[in-house]
């Protein structure tokens, strides 16, 4: 009986761990049930997203995770953005900085993303 319980616990723990992105969001949008978007990427090393965003003091991952409520899931089959409602948008860019800019553009055209995009652009202009 203990062995069965152990395997059930192990299976549950593994399935939960696989659902969480490696780079979680810093903030969530309370307007939607899920509250965040997910960027799935073929990159396996999180350091590629530690480069600075353009001429700012923010890293690429910080911009997405803090200003655009977007988690980053590493080591996936393809680059794509999964919206809060579950819609999937393929990402054409291949370089991390270009991927982030494409994601920002996609989010800026979304209903809830417009405000996030506007707020971030205003913040960057001040600095």
Protein backbone atom coordinates (compact mmCIF):
# COMPACT_ATOMS: atom_id res chain seq x y z
CA UNK A 1 0.00 0.00 0.00
CA UNK A 2 2.83 2.40 0.85
CA UNK A 3 4.41 1.72 -2.51
CA UNK A 4 1.20 2.66 -4.32
CA UNK A 5 0.89 5.88 -2.34
CA UNK A 6 4.53 6.71 -3.06
CA UNK A 7 4.04 6.29 -6.82
CA UNK A 8 0.88 8.40 -6.78
CA UNK A 9 2.74 11.14 -4.90
CA UNK A 10 5.71 10.92 -7.28
CA UNK A 11 3.50 11.10 -10.38
CA UNK A 12 1.61 14.08 -8.97
CA UNK A 13 4.79 15.92 -8.02
CA UNK A 14 6.32 15.38 -11.45
CA UNK A 15 3.22 16.48 -13.34
CA UNK A 16 2.94 19.67 -11.28
CA UNK A 17 6.63 20.45 -11.76
CA UNK A 18 6.32 20.11 -15.53
CA UNK A 19 3.45 22.62 -15.70
CA UNK A 20 5.35 25.47 -14.02
CA UNK A 21 7.62 27.57 -16.22
CA UNK A 22 11.23 27.86 -15.08
CA UNK A 23 11.11 31.65 -15.06
CA UNK A 24 7.88 32.59 -13.29
CA UNK A 25 6.17 35.97 -13.48
CA UNK A 26 6.80 38.69 -10.93
CA UNK A 27 3.28 40.09 -11.22
CA UNK A 28 -0.06 38.69 -12.34
CA UNK A 29 -2.97 40.33 -14.08
CA UNK A 30 -6.02 39.82 -11.88
CA UNK A 31 -8.44 40.42 -14.77
CA UNK A 32 -8.01 36.86 -16.08
CA UNK A 33 -8.19 33.54 -14.27
CA UNK A 34 -4.67 32.42 -15.21
CA UNK A 35 -3.28 35.91 -14.68
CA UNK A 36 -0.19 35.64 -16.88
CA UNK A 37 1.06 34.70 -20.33
CA UNK A 38 3.76 32.15 -21.13
CA UNK A 39 6.60 32.45 -23.60
CA UNK A 40 7.74 28.95 -24.51
CA UNK A 41 11.22 28.96 -25.99
CA UNK A 42 13.73 26.52 -27.42
CA UNK A 43 16.50 28.09 -25.33
CA UNK A 44 17.54 25.97 -22.36
CA UNK A 45 19.79 28.48 -20.62
CA UNK A 46 18.06 31.31 -18.76
CA UNK A 47 21.18 33.47 -19.07
CA UNK A 48 20.31 34.34 -22.68
CA UNK A 49 17.44 36.43 -21.27
CA UNK A 50 19.73 38.28 -18.81
CA UNK A 51 21.01 40.64 -21.52
CA UNK A 52 19.95 44.26 -21.13
CA UNK A 53 16.86 45.37 -23.02
CA UNK A 54 18.07 47.97 -25.52
CA UNK A 55 19.71 50.84 -23.63
CA UNK A 56 17.78 50.30 -20.39
CA UNK A 57 18.84 48.94 -17.02
CA UNK A 58 16.31 46.10 -17.34
CA UNK A 59 17.13 42.56 -18.43
CA UNK A 60 15.07 40.94 -21.18
CA UNK A 61 13.45 38.49 -18.76
CA UNK A 62 12.63 41.25 -16.25
CA UNK A 63 10.80 43.26 -18.90
CA UNK A 64 8.60 40.31 -19.80
CA UNK A 65 8.12 38.91 -16.31
CA UNK A 66 7.49 42.21 -14.51
CA UNK A 67 5.99 44.63 -17.04
CA UNK A 68 4.21 42.20 -19.37
CA UNK A 69 3.07 39.49 -16.90
CA UNK A 70 4.78 36.79 -18.98
CA UNK A 71 6.48 33.67 -17.64
CA UNK A 72 9.28 32.08 -19.65
CA UNK A 73 9.30 28.32 -20.16
CA UNK A 74 12.72 27.07 -21.27
CA UNK A 75 13.61 23.97 -23.28
CA UNK A 76 10.42 23.69 -25.30
CA UNK A 77 9.92 22.45 -28.86
CA UNK A 78 9.30 25.89 -30.37
CA UNK A 79 9.11 29.59 -29.62
CA UNK A 80 5.54 30.72 -29.04
CA UNK A 81 3.48 33.00 -26.85
CA UNK A 82 0.50 31.56 -24.99
CA UNK A 83 -1.95 34.28 -24.02
CA UNK A 84 -3.93 34.44 -20.77
CA UNK A 85 -6.93 33.04 -22.61
CA UNK A 86 -4.91 30.15 -24.06
CA UNK A 87 -4.45 31.42 -27.61
CA UNK A 88 -1.10 30.43 -29.12
CA UNK A 89 0.97 32.84 -31.20
CA UNK A 90 4.00 31.45 -33.06
CA UNK A 91 7.17 33.53 -32.69
CA UNK A 92 9.16 34.03 -35.88
CA UNK A 93 12.24 35.64 -34.31
CA UNK A 94 15.23 33.53 -33.28
CA UNK A 95 17.45 35.82 -31.18
CA UNK A 96 16.43 36.43 -27.55
CA UNK A 97 16.25 40.23 -27.87
CA UNK A 98 14.19 39.96 -31.07
CA UNK A 99 11.91 37.36 -29.46
CA UNK A 100 11.25 39.71 -26.54
CA UNK A 101 10.46 42.61 -28.86
CA UNK A 102 8.10 40.43 -30.93
CA UNK A 103 6.35 39.24 -27.75
CA UNK A 104 6.02 42.84 -26.54
CA UNK A 105 4.47 43.80 -29.86
CA UNK A 106 2.00 40.90 -29.72
CA UNK A 107 1.03 41.73 -26.15
CA UNK A 108 0.69 45.43 -27.01
CA UNK A 109 -2.00 44.46 -29.51
CA UNK A 110 -3.98 42.45 -26.92
CA UNK A 111 -6.84 43.88 -24.89
CA UNK A 112 -5.16 43.63 -21.47
CA UNK A 113 -1.70 44.05 -22.92
CA UNK A 114 -2.27 47.56 -24.26
CA UNK A 115 -2.04 49.12 -20.82
CA UNK A 116 1.04 47.05 -19.90
CA UNK A 117 2.76 48.09 -23.13
CA UNK A 118 1.84 51.75 -22.67
CA UNK A 119 3.04 51.75 -19.04
CA UNK A 120 6.36 50.14 -19.95
CA UNK A 121 7.04 52.51 -22.83
CA UNK A 122 6.26 55.46 -20.57
CA UNK A 123 8.66 54.07 -17.94
CA UNK A 124 11.46 53.61 -20.50
CA UNK A 125 11.04 57.14 -21.84
CA UNK A 126 11.43 58.59 -18.33
CA UNK A 127 14.74 56.77 -17.82
